[in-house]
Amino acid sequence: MVSSKSNEAVVLEYAHSVAESKKIVGKEIKQTCQRFLDDMNNSEYDFRTRDAEFVIKVIEKMVLLQILKKV
């Protein structure tokens, strides 16, 4: 089943849970998530997720079609 949340929301939720030590991960992953969150709050960067969301939805639909073909 495909989540109704946007992929951006899922990624942000994951990064926050890692940065807040709610998920157990290695040091490098924790640093990566914190760096990502810092970048998201940096006004020098402009994050646009529309194109990525479109591509992810296309891929999810293709995978679902492949699964349904096997049934």
PDB file of N, CA and C in Angstrom:
ATOM      1  N   MET A   1       0.841  -1.181   0.000  1.00  0.00           N
ATOM      2  CA  MET A   1       0.000   0.000   0.000  1.00  0.00           C
ATOM      3  C   MET A   1       0.888   1.247   0.000  1.00  0.00           C
ATOM      4  N   VAL A   2       0.548   2.220  -0.799  1.00  0.00           N
ATOM      5  CA  VAL A   2       1.312   3.454  -0.914  1.00  0.00           C
ATOM      6  C   VAL A   2       0.841   4.420   0.160  1.00  0.00           C
ATOM      7  N   SER A   3       1.803   5.043   0.834  1.00  0.00           N
ATOM      8  CA  SER A   3       1.493   5.990   1.898  1.00  0.00           C
ATOM      9  C   SER A   3       0.860   7.246   1.323  1.00  0.00           C
ATOM     10  N   SER A   4      -0.034   7.859   2.103  1.00  0.00           N
ATOM     11  CA  SER A   4      -0.638   9.113   1.654  1.00  0.00           C
ATOM     12  C   SER A   4       0.254  10.308   1.969  1.00  0.00           C
ATOM     13  N   LYS A   5       1.291  10.090   2.782  1.00  0.00           N
ATOM     14  CA  LYS A   5       2.242  11.162   3.081  1.00  0.00           C
ATOM     15  C   LYS A   5       3.131  11.405   1.872  1.00  0.00           C
ATOM     16  N   SER A   6       3.556  12.652   1.711  1.00  0.00           N
ATOM     17  CA  SER A   6       4.518  12.938   0.652  1.00  0.00           C
ATOM     18  C   SER A   6       5.856  12.323   1.045  1.00  0.00           C
ATOM     19  N   ASN A   7       6.668  12.041   0.058  1.00  0.00           N
ATOM     20  CA  ASN A   7       7.994  11.490   0.346  1.00  0.00           C
ATOM     21  C   ASN A   7       8.828  12.491   1.131  1.00  0.00           C
ATOM     22  N   GLU A   8       8.630  13.774   0.861  1.00  0.00           N
ATOM     23  CA  GLU A   8       9.339  14.812   1.615  1.00  0.00           C
ATOM     24  C   GLU A   8       8.996  14.716   3.100  1.00  0.00           C
ATOM     25  N   ALA A   9       7.725  14.516   3.419  1.00  0.00           N
ATOM     26  CA  ALA A   9       7.306  14.403   4.817  1.00  0.00           C
ATOM     27  C   ALA A   9       7.919  13.172   5.475  1.00  0.00           C
ATOM     28  N   VAL A  10       7.986  12.072   4.741  1.00  0.00           N
ATOM     29  CA  VAL A  10       8.576  10.841   5.273  1.00  0.00           C
ATOM     30  C   VAL A  10      10.058  11.047   5.566  1.00  0.00           C
ATOM     31  N   VAL A  11      10.765  11.689   4.634  1.00  0.00           N
ATOM     32  CA  VAL A  11      12.200  11.935   4.810  1.00  0.00           C
ATOM     33  C   VAL A  11      12.446  12.859   5.997  1.00  0.00           C
ATOM     34  N   LEU A  12      11.670  13.930   6.102  1.00  0.00           N
ATOM     35  CA  LEU A  12      11.837  14.861   7.222  1.00  0.00           C
ATOM     36  C   LEU A  12      11.544  14.185   8.554  1.00  0.00           C
ATOM     37  N   GLU A  13      10.506  13.363   8.586  1.00  0.00           N
ATOM     38  CA  GLU A  13      10.161  12.634   9.811  1.00  0.00           C
ATOM     39  C   GLU A  13      11.307  11.707  10.219  1.00  0.00           C
ATOM     40  N   TYR A  14      11.874  10.998   9.249  1.00  0.00           N
ATOM     41  CA  TYR A  14      12.994  10.098   9.520  1.00  0.00           C
ATOM     42  C   TYR A  14      14.204  10.882  10.026  1.00  0.00           C
ATOM     43  N   ALA A  15      14.556  11.964   9.338  1.00  0.00           N
ATOM     44  CA  ALA A  15      15.728  12.755   9.726  1.00  0.00           C
ATOM     45  C   ALA A  15      15.570  13.321  11.131  1.00  0.00           C
ATOM     46  N   HIS A  16      14.385  13.809  11.446  1.00  0.00           N
ATOM     47  CA  HIS A  16      14.150  14.342  12.795  1.00  0.00           C
ATOM     48  C   HIS A  16      14.245  13.238  13.849  1.00  0.00           C
ATOM     49  N   SER A  17      13.675  12.076  13.564  1.00  0.00           N
ATOM     50  CA  SER A  17      13.711  10.996  14.553  1.00  0.00           C
ATOM     51  C   SER A  17      15.137  10.503  14.782  1.00  0.00           C
ATOM     52  N   VAL A  18      15.958  10.506  13.749  1.00  0.00           N
ATOM     53  CA  VAL A  18      17.365  10.120  13.902  1.00  0.00           C
ATOM     54  C   VAL A  18      18.117  11.189  14.686  1.00  0.00           C
ATOM     55  N   ALA A  19      17.933  12.455  14.301  1.00  0.00           N
ATOM     56  CA  ALA A  19      18.645  13.555  14.966  1.00  0.00           C
ATOM     57  C   ALA A  19      18.271  13.657  16.440  1.00  0.00           C
ATOM     58  N   GLU A  20      17.038  13.294  16.776  1.00  0.00           N
ATOM     59  CA  GLU A  20      16.568  13.353  18.161  1.00  0.00           C
ATOM     60  C   GLU A  20      16.794  12.039  18.903  1.00  0.00           C
ATOM     61  N   SER A  21      17.566  11.133  18.305  1.00  0.00           N
ATOM     62  CA  SER A  21      17.911   9.827  18.898  1.00  0.00           C
ATOM     63  C   SER A  21      16.690   8.964  19.198  1.00  0.00           C
ATOM     64  N   LYS A  22      15.626   9.134  18.437  1.00  0.00           N
ATOM     65  CA  LYS A  22      14.452   8.273  18.575  1.00  0.00           C
ATOM     66  C   LYS A  22      14.631   6.980  17.789  1.00  0.00           C
ATOM     67  N   LYS A  23      15.557   6.990  16.833  1.00  0.00           N
ATOM     68  CA  LYS A  23      15.926   5.789  16.074  1.00  0.00           C
ATOM     69  C   LYS A  23      17.385   5.495  16.348  1.00  0.00           C
ATOM     70  N   ILE A  24      17.705   4.232  16.462  1.00  0.00           N
ATOM     71  CA  ILE A  24      19.086   3.823  16.703  1.00  0.00           C
ATOM     72  C   ILE A  24      19.772   3.643  15.354  1.00  0.00           C
ATOM     73  N   VAL A  25      20.806   4.448  15.140  1.00  0.00           N
ATOM     74  CA  VAL A  25      21.573   4.393  13.896  1.00  0.00           C
ATOM     75  C   VAL A  25      23.039   4.621  14.227  1.00  0.00           C
ATOM     76  N   GLY A  26      23.887   4.406  13.243  1.00  0.00           N
ATOM     77  CA  GLY A  26      25.311   4.659  13.416  1.00  0.00           C
ATOM     78  C   GLY A  26      25.618   6.151  13.412  1.00  0.00           C
ATOM     79  N   LYS A  27      26.823   6.463  13.839  1.00  0.00           N
ATOM     80  CA  LYS A  27      27.264   7.856  13.951  1.00  0.00           C
ATOM     81  C   LYS A  27      27.171   8.591  12.612  1.00  0.00           C
ATOM     82  N   GLU A  28      27.603   7.928  11.535  1.00  0.00           N
ATOM     83  CA  GLU A  28      27.614   8.580  10.228  1.00  0.00           C
ATOM     84  C   GLU A  28      26.202   8.920   9.745  1.00  0.00           C
ATOM     85  N   ILE A  29      25.264   8.010   9.971  1.00  0.00           N
ATOM     86  CA  ILE A  29      23.877   8.262   9.558  1.00  0.00           C
ATOM     87  C   ILE A  29      23.299   9.421  10.360  1.00  0.00           C
ATOM     88  N   LYS A  30      23.582   9.442  11.658  1.00  0.00           N
ATOM     89  CA  LYS A  30      23.088  10.538  12.499  1.00  0.00           C
ATOM     90  C   LYS A  30      23.663  11.874  12.030  1.00  0.00           C
ATOM     91  N   GLN A  31      24.952  11.894  11.708  1.00  0.00           N
ATOM     92  CA  GLN A  31      25.578  13.127  11.221  1.00  0.00           C
ATOM     93  C   GLN A  31      24.978  13.551   9.880  1.00  0.00           C
ATOM     94  N   THR A  32      24.713  12.580   9.025  1.00  0.00           N
ATOM     95  CA  THR A  32      24.124  12.870   7.718  1.00  0.00           C
ATOM     96  C   THR A  32      22.733  13.479   7.872  1.00  0.00           C
ATOM     97  N   CYS A  33      21.932  12.906   8.752  1.00  0.00           N
ATOM     98  CA  CYS A  33      20.583  13.437   8.977  1.00  0.00           C
ATOM     99  C   CYS A  33      20.640  14.848   9.555  1.00  0.00           C
ATOM    100  N   GLN A  34      21.555  15.083  10.484  1.00  0.00           N
ATOM    101  CA  GLN A  34      21.674  16.418  11.061  1.00  0.00           C
ATOM    102  C   GLN A  34      22.133  17.425  10.011  1.00  0.00           C
ATOM    103  N   ARG A  35      23.068  17.014   9.163  1.00  0.00           N
ATOM    104  CA  ARG A  35      23.543  17.891   8.089  1.00  0.00           C
ATOM    105  C   ARG A  35      22.392  18.206   7.118  1.00  0.00           C
ATOM    106  N   PHE A  36      21.588  17.203   6.804  1.00  0.00           N
ATOM    107  CA  PHE A  36      20.427  17.401   5.938  1.00  0.00           C
ATOM    108  C   PHE A  36      19.461  18.412   6.552  1.00  0.00           C
ATOM    109  N   LEU A  37      19.164  18.258   7.843  1.00  0.00           N
ATOM    110  CA  LEU A  37      18.252  19.189   8.512  1.00  0.00           C
ATOM    111  C   LEU A  37      18.835  20.600   8.557  1.00  0.00           C
ATOM    112  N   ASP A  38      20.135  20.695   8.792  1.00  0.00           N
ATOM    113  CA  ASP A  38      20.799  22.006   8.779  1.00  0.00           C
ATOM    114  C   ASP A  38      20.681  22.649   7.401  1.00  0.00           C
ATOM    115  N   ASP A  39      20.889  21.848   6.358  1.00  0.00           N
ATOM    116  CA  ASP A  39      20.768  22.358   4.989  1.00  0.00           C
ATOM    117  C   ASP A  39      19.335  22.804   4.688  1.00  0.00           C
ATOM    118  N   MET A  40      18.362  22.061   5.187  1.00  0.00           N
ATOM    119  CA  MET A  40      16.959  22.427   4.966  1.00  0.00           C
ATOM    120  C   MET A  40      16.637  23.787   5.584  1.00  0.00           C
ATOM    121  N   ASN A  41      17.317  24.117   6.679  1.00  0.00           N
ATOM    122  CA  ASN A  41      17.084  25.394   7.358  1.00  0.00           C
ATOM    123  C   ASN A  41      17.987  26.510   6.850  1.00  0.00           C
ATOM    124  N   ASN A  42      18.856  26.205   5.905  1.00  0.00           N
ATOM    125  CA  ASN A  42      19.799  27.178   5.365  1.00  0.00           C
ATOM    126  C   ASN A  42      19.138  27.908   4.190  1.00  0.00           C
ATOM    127  N   SER A  43      19.016  29.214   4.314  1.00  0.00           N
ATOM    128  CA  SER A  43      18.336  29.995   3.270  1.00  0.00           C
ATOM    129  C   SER A  43      19.125  30.066   1.958  1.00  0.00           C
ATOM    130  N   GLU A  44      20.380  29.622   1.967  1.00  0.00           N
ATOM    131  CA  GLU A  44      21.168  29.605   0.732  1.00  0.00           C
ATOM    132  C   GLU A  44      20.683  28.522  -0.237  1.00  0.00           C
ATOM    133  N   TYR A  45      19.964  27.538   0.292  1.00  0.00           N
ATOM    134  CA  TYR A  45      19.481  26.429  -0.530  1.00  0.00           C
ATOM    135  C   TYR A  45      17.984  26.565  -0.764  1.00  0.00           C
ATOM    136  N   ASP A  46      17.564  26.161  -1.943  1.00  0.00           N
ATOM    137  CA  ASP A  46      16.155  26.168  -2.305  1.00  0.00           C
ATOM    138  C   ASP A  46      15.762  24.727  -2.637  1.00  0.00           C
ATOM    139  N   PHE A  47      15.020  24.095  -1.757  1.00  0.00           N
ATOM    140  CA  PHE A  47      14.633  22.703  -1.957  1.00  0.00           C
ATOM    141  C   PHE A  47      13.306  22.639  -2.692  1.00  0.00           C
ATOM    142  N   ARG A  48      13.332  21.995  -3.845  1.00  0.00           N
ATOM    143  CA  ARG A  48      12.124  21.804  -4.650  1.00  0.00           C
ATOM    144  C   ARG A  48      11.920  20.307  -4.821  1.00  0.00           C
ATOM    145  N   THR A  49      10.805  19.821  -4.364  1.00  0.00           N
ATOM    146  CA  THR A  49      10.588  18.370  -4.369  1.00  0.00           C
ATOM    147  C   THR A  49       9.561  17.912  -5.407  1.00  0.00           C
ATOM    148  N   ARG A  50       8.960  18.837  -6.128  1.00  0.00           N
ATOM    149  CA  ARG A  50       7.886  18.461  -7.058  1.00  0.00           C
ATOM    150  C   ARG A  50       8.323  17.420  -8.081  1.00  0.00           C
ATOM    151  N   ASP A  51       9.462  17.649  -8.727  1.00  0.00           N
ATOM    152  CA  ASP A  51       9.930  16.708  -9.752  1.00  0.00           C
ATOM    153  C   ASP A  51      10.264  15.346  -9.149  1.00  0.00           C
ATOM    154  N   ALA A  52      10.913  15.364  -7.990  1.00  0.00           N
ATOM    155  CA  ALA A  52      11.262  14.099  -7.332  1.00  0.00           C
ATOM    156  C   ALA A  52      10.004  13.329  -6.940  1.00  0.00           C
ATOM    157  N   GLU A  53       9.003  14.023  -6.418  1.00  0.00           N
ATOM    158  CA  GLU A  53       7.745  13.369  -6.041  1.00  0.00           C
ATOM    159  C   GLU A  53       7.102  12.712  -7.267  1.00  0.00           C
ATOM    160  N   PHE A  54       7.125  13.402  -8.409  1.00  0.00           N
ATOM    161  CA  PHE A  54       6.547  12.859  -9.638  1.00  0.00           C
ATOM    162  C   PHE A  54       7.260  11.572 -10.049  1.00  0.00           C
ATOM    163  N   VAL A  55       8.595  11.599 -10.059  1.00  0.00           N
ATOM    164  CA  VAL A  55       9.380  10.428 -10.471  1.00  0.00           C
ATOM    165  C   VAL A  55       9.128   9.258  -9.522  1.00  0.00           C
ATOM    166  N   ILE A  56       9.102   9.523  -8.234  1.00  0.00           N
ATOM    167  CA  ILE A  56       8.866   8.459  -7.251  1.00  0.00           C
ATOM    168  C   ILE A  56       7.492   7.833  -7.464  1.00  0.00           C
ATOM    169  N   LYS A  57       6.478   8.650  -7.725  1.00  0.00           N
ATOM    170  CA  LYS A  57       5.132   8.103  -7.966  1.00  0.00           C
ATOM    171  C   LYS A  57       5.104   7.227  -9.215  1.00  0.00           C
ATOM    172  N   VAL A  58       5.802   7.641 -10.269  1.00  0.00           N
ATOM    173  CA  VAL A  58       5.867   6.838 -11.492  1.00  0.00           C
ATOM    174  C   VAL A  58       6.524   5.494 -11.192  1.00  0.00           C
ATOM    175  N   ILE A  59       7.632   5.505 -10.478  1.00  0.00           N
ATOM    176  CA  ILE A  59       8.340   4.266 -10.140  1.00  0.00           C
ATOM    177  C   ILE A  59       7.463   3.370  -9.279  1.00  0.00           C
ATOM    178  N   GLU A  60       6.787   3.948  -8.277  1.00  0.00           N
ATOM    179  CA  GLU A  60       5.906   3.151  -7.421  1.00  0.00           C
ATOM    180  C   GLU A  60       4.801   2.494  -8.238  1.00  0.00           C
ATOM    181  N   LYS A  61       4.234   3.217  -9.185  1.00  0.00           N
ATOM    182  CA  LYS A  61       3.174   2.645 -10.024  1.00  0.00           C
ATOM    183  C   LYS A  61       3.711   1.534 -10.915  1.00  0.00           C
ATOM    184  N   MET A  62       4.928   1.715 -11.443  1.00  0.00           N
ATOM    185  CA  MET A  62       5.529   0.676 -12.284  1.00  0.00           C
ATOM    186  C   MET A  62       5.779  -0.592 -11.477  1.00  0.00           C
ATOM    187  N   VAL A  63       6.272  -0.440 -10.264  1.00  0.00           N
ATOM    188  CA  VAL A  63       6.523  -1.597  -9.401  1.00  0.00           C
ATOM    189  C   VAL A  63       5.206  -2.287  -9.076  1.00  0.00           C
ATOM    190  N   LEU A  64       4.184  -1.511  -8.755  1.00  0.00           N
ATOM    191  CA  LEU A  64       2.875  -2.084  -8.451  1.00  0.00           C
ATOM    192  C   LEU A  64       2.330  -2.856  -9.647  1.00  0.00           C
ATOM    193  N   LEU A  65       2.480  -2.317 -10.842  1.00  0.00           N
ATOM    194  CA  LEU A  65       2.019  -3.018 -12.045  1.00  0.00           C
ATOM    195  C   LEU A  65       2.766  -4.333 -12.245  1.00  0.00           C
ATOM    196  N   GLN A  66       4.072  -4.338 -11.981  1.00  0.00           N
ATOM    197  CA  GLN A  66       4.861  -5.567 -12.104  1.00  0.00           C
ATOM    198  C   GLN A  66       4.384  -6.613 -11.098  1.00  0.00           C
ATOM    199  N   ILE A  67       4.063  -6.179  -9.891  1.00  0.00           N
ATOM    200  CA  ILE A  67       3.568  -7.102  -8.862  1.00  0.00           C
ATOM    201  C   ILE A  67       2.214  -7.665  -9.283  1.00  0.00           C
ATOM    202  N   LEU A  68       1.343  -6.810  -9.779  1.00  0.00           N
ATOM    203  CA  LEU A  68       0.013  -7.255 -10.192  1.00  0.00           C
ATOM    204  C   LEU A  68       0.076  -8.211 -11.378  1.00  0.00           C
ATOM    205  N   LYS A  69       1.053  -8.045 -12.260  1.00  0.00           N
ATOM    206  CA  LYS A  69       1.220  -8.955 -13.392  1.00  0.00           C
ATOM    207  C   LYS A  69       1.544 -10.367 -12.922  1.00  0.00           C
ATOM    208  N   LYS A  70       2.260 -10.477 -11.802  1.00  0.00           N
ATOM    209  CA  LYS A  70       2.674 -11.784 -11.289  1.00  0.00           C
ATOM    210  C   LYS A  70       1.548 -12.504 -10.569  1.00  0.00           C
ATOM    211  N   VAL A  71       0.508 -11.784 -10.197  1.00  0.00           N
ATOM    212  CA  VAL A  71      -0.599 -12.389  -9.436  1.00  0.00           C
ATOM    213  C   VAL A  71      -1.552 -13.093 -10.348  1.00  0.00           C
TER     214      VAL A  71
END
